[in-house]
C-alpha atoms as a PDB file:
ATOM      1  CA  MET A   1     -59.208  63.869 -20.993  1.00  0.00           C
ATOM      2  CA  PRO A   2     -57.107  66.795 -19.699  1.00  0.00           C
ATOM      3  CA  VAL A   3     -53.999  67.649 -21.680  1.00  0.00           C
ATOM      4  CA  GLY A   4     -50.543  68.052 -20.074  1.00  0.00           C
ATOM      5  CA  ILE A   5     -50.718  65.512 -17.252  1.00  0.00           C
ATOM      6  CA  ASN A   6     -48.996  62.692 -19.099  1.00  0.00           C
ATOM      7  CA  GLN A   7     -45.412  61.892 -18.094  1.00  0.00           C
ATOM      8  CA  PRO A   8     -43.018  62.520 -21.004  1.00  0.00           C
ATOM      9  CA  SER A   9     -41.923  59.339 -22.721  1.00  0.00           C
ATOM     10  CA  ASN A  10     -38.238  60.067 -22.070  1.00  0.00           C
ATOM     11  CA  GLN A  11     -38.660  60.503 -18.295  1.00  0.00           C
ATOM     12  CA  ILE A  12     -37.678  57.666 -15.952  1.00  0.00           C
ATOM     13  CA  ARG A  13     -37.829  58.071 -12.190  1.00  0.00           C
ATOM     14  CA  LEU A  14     -34.991  56.490 -10.232  1.00  0.00           C
ATOM     15  CA  THR A  15     -34.204  56.664  -6.518  1.00  0.00           C
ATOM     16  CA  ASN A  16     -31.467  55.402  -4.182  1.00  0.00           C
ATOM     17  CA  VAL A  17     -28.752  55.606  -6.828  1.00  0.00           C
ATOM     18  CA  SER A  18     -25.144  56.633  -7.232  1.00  0.00           C
ATOM     19  CA  LEU A  19     -24.660  59.034 -10.106  1.00  0.00           C
ATOM     20  CA  VAL A  20     -21.657  59.320 -12.410  1.00  0.00           C
ATOM     21  CA  ARG A  21     -21.468  62.544 -14.417  1.00  0.00           C
ATOM     22  CA  LEU A  22     -19.358  63.508 -17.413  1.00  0.00           C
ATOM     23  CA  LYS A  23     -19.395  66.825 -19.231  1.00  0.00           C
ATOM     24  CA  LYS A  24     -18.656  66.503 -22.933  1.00  0.00           C
ATOM     25  CA  GLY A  25     -19.596  68.568 -25.961  1.00  0.00           C
ATOM     26  CA  LYS A  26     -21.117  71.324 -23.791  1.00  0.00           C
ATOM     27  CA  LYS A  27     -23.552  68.786 -22.338  1.00  0.00           C
ATOM     28  CA  ARG A  28     -23.563  66.987 -19.001  1.00  0.00           C
ATOM     29  CA  PHE A  29     -24.389  63.304 -19.183  1.00  0.00           C
ATOM     30  CA  GLU A  30     -25.283  61.070 -16.261  1.00  0.00           C
ATOM     31  CA  ILE A  31     -25.718  57.368 -15.614  1.00  0.00           C
ATOM     32  CA  ALA A  32     -27.520  55.758 -12.676  1.00  0.00           C
ATOM     33  CA  CYS A  33     -25.531  53.053 -10.904  1.00  0.00           C
ATOM     34  CA  TYR A  34     -25.943  50.737  -7.948  1.00  0.00           C
ATOM     35  CA  LYS A  35     -24.183  51.971  -4.836  1.00  0.00           C
ATOM     36  CA  ASN A  36     -20.610  50.718  -4.344  1.00  0.00           C
ATOM     37  CA  LYS A  37     -20.539  49.138  -7.813  1.00  0.00           C
ATOM     38  CA  VAL A  38     -18.769  52.034  -9.532  1.00  0.00           C
ATOM     39  CA  LEU A  39     -15.604  51.607  -7.475  1.00  0.00           C
ATOM     40  CA  GLU A  40     -15.702  47.853  -8.065  1.00  0.00           C
ATOM     41  CA  TYR A  41     -15.971  48.440 -11.816  1.00  0.00           C
ATOM     42  CA  ARG A  42     -13.086  50.919 -11.819  1.00  0.00           C
ATOM     43  CA  SER A  43     -10.881  48.566  -9.840  1.00  0.00           C
ATOM     44  CA  GLY A  44     -11.656  45.679 -12.182  1.00  0.00           C
ATOM     45  CA  ALA A  45     -13.526  43.627  -9.570  1.00  0.00           C
ATOM     46  CA  GLU A  46     -16.765  44.008 -11.543  1.00  0.00           C
ATOM     47  CA  THR A  47     -16.893  43.789 -15.350  1.00  0.00           C
ATOM     48  CA  ASP A  48     -20.594  43.219 -16.096  1.00  0.00           C
ATOM     49  CA  LEU A  49     -22.353  46.525 -16.855  1.00  0.00           C
ATOM     50  CA  ASP A  50     -25.714  44.997 -15.928  1.00  0.00           C
ATOM     51  CA  ASN A  51     -24.448  44.606 -12.348  1.00  0.00           C
ATOM     52  CA  VAL A  52     -23.293  48.230 -12.256  1.00  0.00           C
ATOM     53  CA  LEU A  53     -26.142  50.105 -13.943  1.00  0.00           C
ATOM     54  CA  GLN A  54     -29.597  50.494 -12.501  1.00  0.00           C
ATOM     55  CA  ILE A  55     -30.848  51.153 -16.017  1.00  0.00           C
ATOM     56  CA  HIS A  56     -29.046  50.794 -19.329  1.00  0.00           C
ATOM     57  CA  SER A  57     -29.479  54.432 -20.372  1.00  0.00           C
ATOM     58  CA  VAL A  58     -27.644  57.735 -20.450  1.00  0.00           C
ATOM     59  CA  PHE A  59     -29.391  60.724 -18.867  1.00  0.00           C
ATOM     60  CA  LEU A  60     -29.190  64.484 -19.085  1.00  0.00           C
ATOM     61  CA  SER A  61     -30.655  64.530 -15.573  1.00  0.00           C
ATOM     62  CA  VAL A  62     -31.292  61.430 -13.485  1.00  0.00           C
ATOM     63  CA  SER A  63     -33.138  63.432 -10.815  1.00  0.00           C
ATOM     64  CA  LYS A  64     -35.603  64.682 -13.419  1.00  0.00           C
ATOM     65  CA  GLY A  65     -35.727  61.324 -15.177  1.00  0.00           C
ATOM     66  CA  GLN A  66     -34.668  62.951 -18.459  1.00  0.00           C
ATOM     67  CA  THR A  67     -32.807  60.594 -20.781  1.00  0.00           C
ATOM     68  CA  ALA A  68     -30.255  61.957 -23.254  1.00  0.00           C
ATOM     69  CA  PRO A  69     -31.559  62.289 -26.849  1.00  0.00           C
ATOM     70  CA  ALA A  70     -29.739  60.206 -29.439  1.00  0.00           C
ATOM     71  CA  GLN A  71     -28.641  63.329 -31.346  1.00  0.00           C
ATOM     72  CA  ASP A  72     -26.965  64.761 -28.223  1.00  0.00           C
ATOM     73  CA  LEU A  73     -25.055  61.510 -27.661  1.00  0.00           C
ATOM     74  CA  ALA A  74     -24.012  61.365 -31.311  1.00  0.00           C
ATOM     75  CA  LYS A  75     -22.811  64.968 -31.253  1.00  0.00           C
ATOM     76  CA  ALA A  76     -20.785  64.525 -28.058  1.00  0.00           C
ATOM     77  CA  PHE A  77     -19.389  61.010 -28.499  1.00  0.00           C
ATOM     78  CA  GLY A  78     -19.538  60.493 -32.256  1.00  0.00           C
ATOM     79  CA  PRO A  79     -22.338  59.132 -34.478  1.00  0.00           C
ATOM     80  CA  LYS A  80     -20.883  55.628 -34.663  1.00  0.00           C
ATOM     81  CA  THR A  81     -20.154  55.214 -30.950  1.00  0.00           C
ATOM     82  CA  LEU A  82     -22.175  52.411 -29.377  1.00  0.00           C
ATOM     83  CA  LEU A  83     -24.230  53.021 -26.232  1.00  0.00           C
ATOM     84  CA  ASP A  84     -22.117  50.584 -24.181  1.00  0.00           C
ATOM     85  CA  ASP A  85     -18.950  52.417 -25.210  1.00  0.00           C
ATOM     86  CA  ILE A  86     -20.498  55.731 -24.147  1.00  0.00           C
ATOM     87  CA  ILE A  87     -21.518  54.266 -20.795  1.00  0.00           C
ATOM     88  CA  MET A  88     -18.056  52.799 -20.220  1.00  0.00           C
ATOM     89  CA  GLU A  89     -16.433  56.160 -20.974  1.00  0.00           C
ATOM     90  CA  ILE A  90     -18.708  57.883 -18.476  1.00  0.00           C
ATOM     91  CA  LEU A  91     -17.993  55.176 -15.900  1.00  0.00           C
ATOM     92  CA  LYS A  92     -14.223  55.489 -16.310  1.00  0.00           C
ATOM     93  CA  LYS A  93     -13.864  59.248 -16.698  1.00  0.00           C
ATOM     94  CA  GLY A  94     -16.930  60.647 -14.969  1.00  0.00           C
ATOM     95  CA  GLU A  95     -17.233  62.190 -11.526  1.00  0.00           C
ATOM     96  CA  MET A  96     -19.096  60.078  -9.009  1.00  0.00           C
ATOM     97  CA  GLN A  97     -21.814  61.804  -6.989  1.00  0.00           C
ATOM     98  CA  VAL A  98     -22.793  60.363  -3.612  1.00  0.00           C
ATOM     99  CA  GLY A  99     -25.403  61.365  -1.062  1.00  0.00           C
ATOM    100  CA  GLU A 100     -24.635  62.586   2.437  1.00  0.00           C
ATOM    101  CA  LYS A 101     -25.480  59.269   4.090  1.00  0.00           C
ATOM    102  CA  GLU A 102     -23.387  57.289   1.632  1.00  0.00           C
ATOM    103  CA  ARG A 103     -20.512  59.759   1.951  1.00  0.00           C
ATOM    104  CA  HIS A 104     -20.601  59.381   5.735  1.00  0.00           C
ATOM    105  CA  ALA A 105     -20.697  55.581   5.476  1.00  0.00           C
ATOM    106  CA  GLN A 106     -17.786  55.604   3.038  1.00  0.00           C
ATOM    107  CA  LEU A 107     -15.794  57.856   5.376  1.00  0.00           C
ATOM    108  CA  GLU A 108     -16.463  55.485   8.257  1.00  0.00           C
ATOM    109  CA  ARG A 109     -15.277  52.510   6.200  1.00  0.00           C
ATOM    110  CA  VAL A 110     -12.041  54.243   5.223  1.00  0.00           C
ATOM    111  CA  HIS A 111     -11.541  55.460   8.796  1.00  0.00           C
ATOM    112  CA  THR A 112     -11.885  51.931  10.180  1.00  0.00           C
ATOM    113  CA  GLU A 113      -9.564  50.494   7.530  1.00  0.00           C
ATOM    114  CA  VAL A 114      -6.895  53.128   8.246  1.00  0.00           C
ATOM    115  CA  LEU A 115      -7.025  52.382  11.990  1.00  0.00           C
ATOM    116  CA  ASP A 116      -6.749  48.627  11.374  1.00  0.00           C
ATOM    117  CA  ILE A 117      -3.691  49.068   9.128  1.00  0.00           C
ATOM    118  CA  VAL A 118      -1.926  51.439  11.528  1.00  0.00           C
ATOM    119  CA  ALA A 119      -2.697  49.293  14.575  1.00  0.00           C
ATOM    120  CA  GLY A 120      -1.153  46.296  12.820  1.00  0.00           C
ATOM    121  CA  LYS A 121       2.046  48.114  11.845  1.00  0.00           C
ATOM    122  CA  LEU A 122       2.982  50.141  14.939  1.00  0.00           C
ATOM    123  CA  VAL A 123       4.099  48.867  18.326  1.00  0.00           C
ATOM    124  CA  ASP A 124       5.284  50.178  21.673  1.00  0.00           C
ATOM    125  CA  PRO A 125       9.066  50.460  21.139  1.00  0.00           C
ATOM    126  CA  LYS A 126       9.845  49.026  24.597  1.00  0.00           C
ATOM    127  CA  THR A 127       7.411  46.136  24.891  1.00  0.00           C
ATOM    128  CA  LYS A 128       6.920  45.517  21.126  1.00  0.00           C
ATOM    129  CA  ARG A 129       3.225  45.101  21.868  1.00  0.00           C
ATOM    130  CA  VAL A 130       0.556  46.400  19.508  1.00  0.00           C
ATOM    131  CA  TYR A 131      -1.861  49.149  20.425  1.00  0.00           C
ATOM    132  CA  THR A 132      -5.604  48.725  20.088  1.00  0.00           C
ATOM    133  CA  ALA A 133      -7.395  50.546  17.276  1.00  0.00           C
ATOM    134  CA  GLY A 134      -9.045  52.719  19.951  1.00  0.00           C
ATOM    135  CA  MET A 135      -5.694  53.885  21.324  1.00  0.00           C
ATOM    136  CA  ILE A 136      -4.436  54.647  17.820  1.00  0.00           C
ATOM    137  CA  GLU A 137      -7.622  56.598  17.130  1.00  0.00           C
ATOM    138  CA  LYS A 138      -7.158  58.739  20.258  1.00  0.00           C
ATOM    139  CA  ALA A 139      -3.528  59.437  19.328  1.00  0.00           C
ATOM    140  CA  LEU A 140      -4.512  60.505  15.815  1.00  0.00           C
ATOM    141  CA  ASP A 141      -7.301  62.666  17.233  1.00  0.00           C
ATOM    142  CA  GLN A 142      -4.670  64.444  19.307  1.00  0.00           C
ATOM    143  CA  LEU A 143      -2.665  65.231  16.191  1.00  0.00           C
ATOM    144  CA  SER A 144      -5.634  66.363  14.125  1.00  0.00           C
ATOM    145  CA  SER A 145      -7.003  68.533  16.957  1.00  0.00           C
ATOM    146  CA  GLN A 146      -3.685  70.362  17.173  1.00  0.00           C
ATOM    147  CA  GLY A 147      -4.175  71.466  13.596  1.00  0.00           C
ATOM    148  CA  ALA A 148      -1.543  72.185  11.001  1.00  0.00           C
ATOM    149  CA  HIS A 149      -0.730  75.618  12.479  1.00  0.00           C
ATOM    150  CA  LYS A 150      -0.012  74.282  15.930  1.00  0.00           C
ATOM    151  CA  GLN A 151       2.190  71.499  14.580  1.00  0.00           C
ATOM    152  CA  GLU A 152       4.152  73.995  12.487  1.00  0.00           C
ATOM    153  CA  GLU A 153       4.696  76.164  15.553  1.00  0.00           C
ATOM    154  CA  SER A 154       5.908  73.100  17.420  1.00  0.00           C
ATOM    155  CA  GLY A 155       8.346  72.405  14.597  1.00  0.00           C
ATOM    156  CA  LYS A 156       9.779  75.888  15.038  1.00  0.00           C
ATOM    157  CA  GLY A 157      10.591  75.175  18.644  1.00  0.00           C
ATOM    158  CA  SER A 158       7.520  76.277  20.617  1.00  0.00           C
ATOM    159  CA  GLY A 159       7.771  73.116  22.709  1.00  0.00           C
ATOM    160  CA  THR A 160       4.109  72.101  22.412  1.00  0.00           C
ATOM    161  CA  ALA A 161       5.134  68.742  20.987  1.00  0.00           C
ATOM    162  CA  THR A 162       8.371  66.811  21.066  1.00  0.00           C
ATOM    163  CA  PRO A 163       9.347  64.870  17.937  1.00  0.00           C
ATOM    164  CA  THR A 164      11.055  61.533  18.373  1.00  0.00           C
ATOM    165  CA  THR A 165      14.802  61.368  17.907  1.00  0.00           C
ATOM    166  CA  ASN A 166      15.031  57.653  17.159  1.00  0.00           C
ATOM    167  CA  GLY A 167      14.469  55.568  14.027  1.00  0.00           C
ATOM    168  CA  GLU A 168      14.413  56.227  10.349  1.00  0.00           C
ATOM    169  CA  ASP A 169      11.463  58.603  10.585  1.00  0.00           C
ATOM    170  CA  ALA A 170      13.078  60.793  13.214  1.00  0.00           C
ATOM    171  CA  VAL A 171      13.988  64.402  12.672  1.00  0.00           C
ATOM    172  CA  ASP A 172      17.700  65.060  13.046  1.00  0.00           C
ATOM    173  CA  SER A 173      18.087  68.263  15.016  1.00  0.00           C
ATOM    174  CA  THR A 174      21.412  68.880  13.327  1.00  0.00           C
ATOM    175  CA  ARG A 175      19.705  69.315   9.976  1.00  0.00           C
ATOM    176  CA  GLY A 176      18.282  72.725  10.907  1.00  0.00           C
ATOM    177  CA  LYS A 177      14.880  74.317  11.087  1.00  0.00           C
ATOM    178  CA  GLY A 178      14.231  73.856   7.388  1.00  0.00           C
ATOM    179  CA  LYS A 179      13.829  70.112   7.847  1.00  0.00           C
ATOM    180  CA  GLU A 180      11.674  70.524  10.941  1.00  0.00           C
ATOM    181  CA  LYS A 181       9.137  72.486   8.901  1.00  0.00           C
ATOM    182  CA  GLU A 182       8.686  69.357   6.796  1.00  0.00           C
ATOM    183  CA  MET A 183       7.481  67.318   9.769  1.00  0.00           C
ATOM    184  CA  PRO A 184       4.551  65.128   8.666  1.00  0.00           C
ATOM    185  CA  THR A 185       1.130  66.237   9.877  1.00  0.00           C
ATOM    186  CA  TRP A 186      -2.236  64.547  10.257  1.00  0.00           C
ATOM    187  CA  THR A 187      -5.573  66.275   9.681  1.00  0.00           C
ATOM    188  CA  GLY A 188      -7.927  63.296   9.492  1.00  0.00           C
ATOM    189  CA  VAL A 189      -9.309  60.719   7.068  1.00  0.00           C
ATOM    190  CA  VAL A 190     -10.726  61.684   3.678  1.00  0.00           C
ATOM    191  CA  THR A 191     -12.531  59.657   1.027  1.00  0.00           C
ATOM    192  CA  THR A 192     -10.459  60.937  -1.892  1.00  0.00           C
ATOM    193  CA  LYS A 193      -7.365  58.886  -0.971  1.00  0.00           C
ATOM    194  CA  SER A 194      -6.890  55.171  -0.475  1.00  0.00           C
ATOM    195  CA  ALA A 195      -6.852  53.782   3.065  1.00  0.00           C
ATOM    196  CA  LYS A 196      -3.358  52.388   2.494  1.00  0.00           C
ATOM    197  CA  SER A 197      -1.827  55.749   1.550  1.00  0.00           C
ATOM    198  CA  GLN A 198      -3.579  57.498   4.438  1.00  0.00           C
ATOM    199  CA  ALA A 199      -2.411  54.825   6.882  1.00  0.00           C
ATOM    200  CA  LEU A 200       1.162  55.509   5.770  1.00  0.00           C
ATOM    201  CA  GLU A 201       0.668  59.245   6.367  1.00  0.00           C
ATOM    202  CA  ALA A 202      -0.815  58.526   9.789  1.00  0.00           C
ATOM    203  CA  MET A 203       2.119  56.307  10.774  1.00  0.00           C
ATOM    204  CA  LYS A 204       4.642  58.937   9.720  1.00  0.00           C
ATOM    205  CA  ALA A 205       2.871  61.588  11.801  1.00  0.00           C
ATOM    206  CA  LEU A 206       2.568  59.330  14.853  1.00  0.00           C
ATOM    207  CA  ILE A 207       6.229  58.348  14.696  1.00  0.00           C
ATOM    208  CA  ALA A 208       7.333  61.947  14.223  1.00  0.00           C
ATOM    209  CA  TRP A 209       5.202  63.522  16.965  1.00  0.00           C
ATOM    210  CA  GLN A 210       4.905  60.609  19.431  1.00  0.00           C
ATOM    211  CA  PRO A 211       1.564  61.419  21.117  1.00  0.00           C
ATOM    212  CA  ILE A 212       2.053  57.875  22.407  1.00  0.00           C
ATOM    213  CA  PRO A 213       5.352  55.940  22.235  1.00  0.00           C
ATOM    214  CA  VAL A 214       5.314  54.178  18.847  1.00  0.00           C
ATOM    215  CA  SER A 215       7.693  52.659  16.324  1.00  0.00           C
ATOM    216  CA  ARG A 216       7.294  50.541  13.212  1.00  0.00           C
ATOM    217  CA  ALA A 217       6.979  46.836  13.904  1.00  0.00           C
ATOM    218  CA  ARG A 218      10.065  45.036  12.688  1.00  0.00           C
ATOM    219  CA  MET A 219      10.046  42.608   9.768  1.00  0.00           C
ATOM    220  CA  ARG A 220      11.358  39.071  10.043  1.00  0.00           C
ATOM    221  CA  LEU A 221      13.592  38.176   7.099  1.00  0.00           C
ATOM    222  CA  ARG A 222      15.738  35.366   5.773  1.00  0.00           C
ATOM    223  CA  VAL A 223      18.862  36.377   3.848  1.00  0.00           C
ATOM    224  CA  THR A 224      20.633  33.721   1.789  1.00  0.00           C
ATOM    225  CA  CYS A 225      24.066  34.315   0.280  1.00  0.00           C
ATOM    226  CA  PRO A 226      26.841  32.161  -1.267  1.00  0.00           C
ATOM    227  CA  ALA A 227      29.226  31.295   1.573  1.00  0.00           C
ATOM    228  CA  ALA A 228      32.255  31.699  -0.709  1.00  0.00           C
ATOM    229  CA  ILE A 229      31.843  35.479  -0.989  1.00  0.00           C
ATOM    230  CA  LEU A 230      31.045  36.310   2.627  1.00  0.00           C
ATOM    231  CA  LYS A 231      34.586  37.427   3.453  1.00  0.00           C
ATOM    232  CA  GLN A 232      34.979  39.546   0.325  1.00  0.00           C
ATOM    233  CA  ALA A 233      35.226  43.296   0.816  1.00  0.00           C
ATOM    234  CA  THR A 234      32.156  45.289  -0.187  1.00  0.00           C
ATOM    235  CA  LYS A 235      32.377  47.027  -3.546  1.00  0.00           C
ATOM    236  CA  THR A 236      29.930  49.855  -2.927  1.00  0.00           C
ATOM    237  CA  ALA A 237      28.252  51.573  -0.014  1.00  0.00           C
ATOM    238  CA  PRO A 238      24.722  52.755  -0.739  1.00  0.00           C
ATOM    239  CA  LYS A 239      23.672  56.089   0.679  1.00  0.00           C
ATOM    240  CA  ARG A 240      21.745  55.909   3.902  1.00  0.00           C
ATOM    241  CA  ASP A 241      18.779  57.911   5.098  1.00  0.00           C
ATOM    242  CA  GLY A 242      20.148  59.335   8.311  1.00  0.00           C
ATOM    243  CA  LYS A 243      22.585  57.825  10.802  1.00  0.00           C
ATOM    244  CA  GLU A 244      21.440  54.235  10.603  1.00  0.00           C
ATOM    245  CA  ASP A 245      24.940  52.868   9.827  1.00  0.00           C
ATOM    246  CA  GLY A 246      27.413  54.011  12.446  1.00  0.00           C
ATOM    247  CA  HIS A 247      30.415  53.837  10.142  1.00  0.00           C
ATOM    248  CA  ALA A 248      28.800  55.414   7.076  1.00  0.00           C
ATOM    249  CA  ASP A 249      29.276  59.129   6.507  1.00  0.00           C
ATOM    250  CA  GLU A 250      26.702  61.601   5.212  1.00  0.00           C
ATOM    251  CA  GLU A 251      28.059  61.516   1.670  1.00  0.00           C
ATOM    252  CA  GLY A 252      27.702  57.767   1.266  1.00  0.00           C
ATOM    253  CA  GLU A 253      31.411  57.019   0.876  1.00  0.00           C
ATOM    254  CA  LYS A 254      32.790  53.503   0.905  1.00  0.00           C
ATOM    255  CA  VAL A 255      32.303  51.627   4.136  1.00  0.00           C
ATOM    256  CA  PRO A 256      35.021  49.129   5.067  1.00  0.00           C
ATOM    257  CA  GLY A 257      33.947  45.603   5.924  1.00  0.00           C
ATOM    258  CA  THR A 258      33.018  42.295   4.403  1.00  0.00           C
ATOM    259  CA  ILE A 259      29.793  41.393   2.682  1.00  0.00           C
ATOM    260  CA  LYS A 260      28.768  39.410   5.762  1.00  0.00           C
ATOM    261  CA  ASP A 261      29.460  42.380   8.033  1.00  0.00           C
ATOM    262  CA  ARG A 262      27.387  44.663   5.876  1.00  0.00           C
ATOM    263  CA  ILE A 263      24.441  42.247   5.740  1.00  0.00           C
ATOM    264  CA  LEU A 264      24.486  41.851   9.510  1.00  0.00           C
ATOM    265  CA  SER A 265      24.635  45.635   9.946  1.00  0.00           C
ATOM    266  CA  TYR A 266      21.089  45.787   8.579  1.00  0.00           C
ATOM    267  CA  VAL A 267      19.825  43.149  11.008  1.00  0.00           C
ATOM    268  CA  GLU A 268      18.797  44.536  14.391  1.00  0.00           C
ATOM    269  CA  GLN A 269      18.500  41.132  16.020  1.00  0.00           C
ATOM    270  CA  VAL A 270      19.803  37.846  14.654  1.00  0.00           C
ATOM    271  CA  GLU A 271      17.560  34.863  15.280  1.00  0.00           C
ATOM    272  CA  SER A 272      19.766  32.215  13.649  1.00  0.00           C
ATOM    273  CA  GLN A 273      22.762  31.777  11.356  1.00  0.00           C
ATOM    274  CA  ASP A 274      23.726  28.627   9.511  1.00  0.00           C
ATOM    275  CA  THR A 275      25.738  27.384   6.543  1.00  0.00           C
ATOM    276  CA  THR A 276      24.126  24.657   4.478  1.00  0.00           C
ATOM    277  CA  GLY A 277      26.121  23.309   1.567  1.00  0.00           C
ATOM    278  CA  GLN A 278      27.402  26.322  -0.373  1.00  0.00           C
ATOM    279  CA  ASP A 279      24.948  28.837   1.081  1.00  0.00           C
ATOM    280  CA  TRP A 280      25.033  30.932   4.241  1.00  0.00           C
ATOM    281  CA  GLU A 281      21.692  31.832   5.751  1.00  0.00           C
ATOM    282  CA  VAL A 282      20.697  34.325   8.452  1.00  0.00           C
ATOM    283  CA  VAL A 283      17.236  34.868   9.904  1.00  0.00           C
ATOM    284  CA  GLY A 284      16.610  38.047  11.860  1.00  0.00           C
ATOM    285  CA  PHE A 285      14.605  41.205  12.457  1.00  0.00           C
ATOM    286  CA  VAL A 286      14.954  44.327  10.318  1.00  0.00           C
ATOM    287  CA  GLU A 287      13.405  47.788  10.325  1.00  0.00           C
ATOM    288  CA  PRO A 288      10.889  48.057   7.421  1.00  0.00           C
ATOM    289  CA  GLY A 289      12.749  51.038   5.955  1.00  0.00           C
ATOM    290  CA  ALA A 290      15.913  48.970   5.566  1.00  0.00           C
ATOM    291  CA  LEU A 291      14.328  46.219   3.447  1.00  0.00           C
ATOM    292  CA  LYS A 292      14.808  47.926   0.081  1.00  0.00           C
ATOM    293  CA  ARG A 293      18.422  48.882   0.742  1.00  0.00           C
ATOM    294  CA  LEU A 294      19.235  45.406   2.046  1.00  0.00           C
ATOM    295  CA  GLY A 295      17.694  43.835  -1.049  1.00  0.00           C
ATOM    296  CA  GLU A 296      19.636  46.150  -3.351  1.00  0.00           C
ATOM    297  CA  PHE A 297      22.890  45.449  -1.510  1.00  0.00           C
ATOM    298  CA  VAL A 298      22.473  41.661  -1.549  1.00  0.00           C
ATOM    299  CA  GLY A 299      21.422  41.639  -5.198  1.00  0.00           C
ATOM    300  CA  GLY A 300      24.292  43.872  -6.270  1.00  0.00           C
ATOM    301  CA  GLU A 301      27.087  42.266  -4.269  1.00  0.00           C
ATOM    302  CA  THR A 302      26.078  38.677  -5.072  1.00  0.00           C
ATOM    303  CA  LYS A 303      25.169  39.410  -8.728  1.00  0.00           C
ATOM    304  CA  GLY A 304      21.752  37.891  -8.221  1.00  0.00           C
ATOM    305  CA  ARG A 305      22.911  34.760  -6.424  1.00  0.00           C
ATOM    306  CA  GLY A 306      21.723  35.949  -3.010  1.00  0.00           C
ATOM    307  CA  ARG A 307      18.144  36.618  -1.983  1.00  0.00           C
ATOM    308  CA  VAL A 308      16.092  38.289   0.722  1.00  0.00           C
ATOM    309  CA  GLU A 309      12.820  36.670   1.801  1.00  0.00           C
ATOM    310  CA  VAL A 310      10.174  38.268   4.009  1.00  0.00           C
ATOM    311  CA  LEU A 311       8.979  35.738   6.589  1.00  0.00           C
ATOM    312  CA  ASP A 312       6.763  38.109   8.567  1.00  0.00           C
ATOM    313  CA  MET A 313       5.753  41.627   7.509  1.00  0.00           C
ATOM    314  CA  ALA A 314       5.226  42.865  11.079  1.00  0.00           C
ATOM    315  CA  VAL A 315       6.468  41.033  14.157  1.00  0.00           C
ATOM    316  CA  VAL A 316       4.444  42.052  17.216  1.00  0.00           C
ATOM    317  CA  HIS A 317       3.578  40.792  20.675  1.00  0.00           C
ATOM    318  CA  GLU A 318      -0.141  40.651  21.293  1.00  0.00           C
ATOM    319  CA  GLY A 319      -1.251  42.374  24.476  1.00  0.00           C
ATOM    320  CA  ASP A 320      -3.679  40.947  26.985  1.00  0.00           C
END
């Protein structure tokens, strides 16, 4: 029988896998996982290693089917470290390798998720109607096709794009060119960031550059406050981001008015007001950026006796 045609005993052939690699002790170790299971394990959605690993082994090279010798594992991870502990360390700290097809599919998933989030949060400022995901995609394509250089030139006053001058995300022309250079830009979706964080970046860029007329959908809130303190003068005036409060100056000095006046100053449109027993209640629509400041004001002025409840995260009118 010819010699040299036998497959080495430590070689295992695996295909259609996601690899996770970790370099430790001058050696590179790999594990072979089922596709999409690594992210689930890292997020805590999956805890069973058998559902994550294609084979319960550590490799020096999955593509060559070469498993890691026990002495290499002991030298890198410690002689008393169990195999499961080694695998878990690689899973948590290792770099995930994906193929071109999987990378493209992952990019498409993130892209779709970003569009869905943005389309649900932005509206036409006049009609308050939502845009379709397709319209949002075209608007973002406009921004990304301009490129960072073109957007920077626009910020310097070239006139190729006109930033909005309304809302909390607007650029105040009185703040000088230095602020304009910090205009948010959009260069497209990547797989290294979460869809939620990228959707936020996309919304900031759309609001700033207005390739289509957009604004953040308002939130519907209920504010409850003890009726006995409504007419008391406010103790503090929190600093504002921009010119949102007409009687607040740039340095955040005290703003005259009662607690009720200040609460209502945050509400763009009042839906209802009522006093029930010892509590006053107002339901209305608020810009998303004002929620935190409103909550801080109510909590501070009422010493925890008032509360702000979100009834609807994004109030929109569905288009036909």
